[in-house]
Amino acid sequence: MAKQVICTNCGSNYHYQTFCTLKKRKPISQRGKHAKLWEAFRDKVAKPYLDKRYGRICNQKHCAIRDPLDVDHVKERGSNPGLRYDVKNVQYLCRSHHREKTDGKKLKYKHRI
């Protein structure tokens, strides 16, 4: 008589666990390859370069915001993919100026200085 195999996922003895519909699957990564590369570039190359060269301040005129700052591309990376990882193409912008530039919308709240 053959040994009866019980599925560890659902407890059924009619199928093996490899064919179970309740099989636990590995979660799909929600971030793509370019997002991971950009995060590494931003944290290890762009931020130290901008801190040393310009200091931690928003690059817009008449804005003295120092925190939180976003790293922004001067020339958009969609239309200039060759400049995506170029340190001369990045700048610091405060969150409201970054959203205004990328989305074309002004934020309703103001930063406190």
Protein backbone atom coordinates (compact mmCIF):
# COMPACT_ATOMS: atom_id res chain seq x y z
CA MET A 1 0.00 0.00 0.00
CA ALA A 2 1.32 3.45 -0.96
CA LYS A 3 2.06 6.02 1.67
CA GLN A 4 -0.66 8.65 1.84
CA VAL A 5 0.62 12.19 1.36
CA ILE A 6 -1.17 15.08 3.01
CA CYS A 7 -0.89 18.59 1.64
CA THR A 8 0.79 20.89 4.17
CA ASN A 9 -1.00 23.96 2.76
CA CYS A 10 -4.64 22.85 3.06
CA GLY A 11 -4.57 19.42 4.75
CA SER A 12 -6.10 17.55 1.80
CA ASN A 13 -4.98 14.03 0.89
CA TYR A 14 -6.16 14.27 -2.74
CA HIS A 15 -3.23 16.25 -4.15
CA TYR A 16 0.39 17.03 -3.45
CA GLN A 17 1.33 20.41 -2.02
CA THR A 18 2.95 21.48 -5.29
CA PHE A 19 -0.48 21.46 -6.98
CA CYS A 20 -2.40 23.12 -4.15
CA THR A 21 -4.32 26.29 -4.97
CA LEU A 22 -3.59 27.60 -1.47
CA LYS A 23 0.14 27.34 -2.05
CA LYS A 24 2.07 30.18 -0.47
CA ARG A 25 3.77 32.09 -3.23
CA LYS A 26 6.74 34.38 -3.04
CA PRO A 27 5.57 38.02 -3.00
CA ILE A 28 6.16 40.00 -6.17
CA SER A 29 8.59 42.88 -5.82
CA GLN A 30 6.71 46.15 -6.21
CA ARG A 31 9.78 48.16 -7.16
CA GLY A 32 11.50 47.78 -10.49
CA LYS A 33 15.17 47.61 -11.38
CA HIS A 34 15.46 51.32 -12.20
CA ALA A 35 13.81 52.33 -8.92
CA LYS A 36 16.38 50.33 -6.96
CA LEU A 37 19.25 51.74 -9.03
CA TRP A 38 17.95 55.29 -8.56
CA GLU A 39 17.67 54.85 -4.77
CA ALA A 40 21.26 53.60 -4.58
CA PHE A 41 22.50 56.46 -6.80
CA ARG A 42 20.51 59.05 -4.87
CA ASP A 43 21.71 57.92 -1.43
CA LYS A 44 25.35 57.08 -2.20
CA VAL A 45 26.27 59.57 -4.93
CA ALA A 46 23.80 62.42 -5.43
CA LYS A 47 23.11 63.45 -1.82
CA PRO A 48 26.77 63.57 -0.74
CA TYR A 49 27.63 65.53 -3.92
CA LEU A 50 24.82 68.04 -3.38
CA ASP A 51 25.61 68.41 0.34
CA LYS A 52 29.25 69.17 -0.37
CA ARG A 53 28.67 71.40 -3.39
CA TYR A 54 25.56 73.42 -2.47
CA GLY A 55 24.59 72.56 1.10
CA ARG A 56 21.20 71.31 2.25
CA ILE A 57 18.85 74.03 1.01
CA CYS A 58 16.13 74.25 -1.63
CA ASN A 59 17.46 75.38 -5.01
CA GLN A 60 14.51 77.68 -5.84
CA LYS A 61 14.88 81.44 -5.48
CA HIS A 62 13.58 82.98 -2.26
CA CYS A 63 13.10 79.58 -0.61
CA ALA A 64 15.01 78.89 2.58
CA ILE A 65 13.61 75.43 3.30
CA ARG A 66 16.24 73.05 4.63
CA ASP A 67 14.25 69.93 5.41
CA PRO A 68 12.68 67.74 3.98
CA LEU A 69 14.43 67.97 0.64
CA ASP A 70 13.96 65.85 -2.48
CA VAL A 71 16.59 65.11 -5.10
CA ASP A 72 15.22 66.36 -8.41
CA HIS A 73 16.45 66.11 -12.00
CA VAL A 74 17.10 69.47 -13.66
CA LYS A 75 16.39 68.00 -17.10
CA GLU A 76 13.63 65.40 -16.87
CA ARG A 77 14.86 61.82 -17.02
CA GLY A 78 12.10 60.67 -19.38
CA SER A 79 13.18 62.97 -22.18
CA ASN A 80 16.90 62.69 -21.32
CA PRO A 81 17.57 59.07 -20.27
CA GLY A 82 21.33 59.53 -20.67
CA LEU A 83 21.31 62.10 -17.86
CA ARG A 84 19.44 59.89 -15.40
CA TYR A 85 22.52 59.08 -13.30
CA ASP A 86 24.50 62.27 -13.95
CA VAL A 87 25.36 64.25 -10.79
CA LYS A 88 25.42 67.51 -12.70
CA ASN A 89 21.74 67.00 -13.57
CA VAL A 90 20.42 66.83 -9.97
CA GLN A 91 19.39 69.49 -7.49
CA TYR A 92 17.71 69.75 -4.10
CA LEU A 93 14.12 70.98 -4.02
CA CYS A 94 11.76 71.21 -1.09
CA ARG A 95 8.70 69.00 -1.30
CA SER A 96 6.30 71.75 -2.41
CA HIS A 97 8.59 73.02 -5.20
CA HIS A 98 9.31 69.47 -6.33
CA ARG A 99 5.60 68.66 -6.57
CA GLU A 100 4.96 71.95 -8.36
CA LYS A 101 7.65 71.15 -10.92
CA THR A 102 6.80 67.49 -11.54
CA ASP A 103 3.00 67.51 -11.19
CA GLY A 104 2.30 71.10 -12.13
CA LYS A 105 0.27 71.55 -8.95
CA LYS A 106 0.91 73.82 -6.02
CA LEU A 107 0.50 72.25 -2.62
CA LYS A 108 -2.08 73.81 -0.36
CA TYR A 109 0.10 73.87 2.74
CA LYS A 110 3.10 76.07 3.34
CA HIS A 111 6.39 75.01 4.91
CA ARG A 112 7.48 76.51 8.17
CA ILE A 113 10.93 78.00 8.23
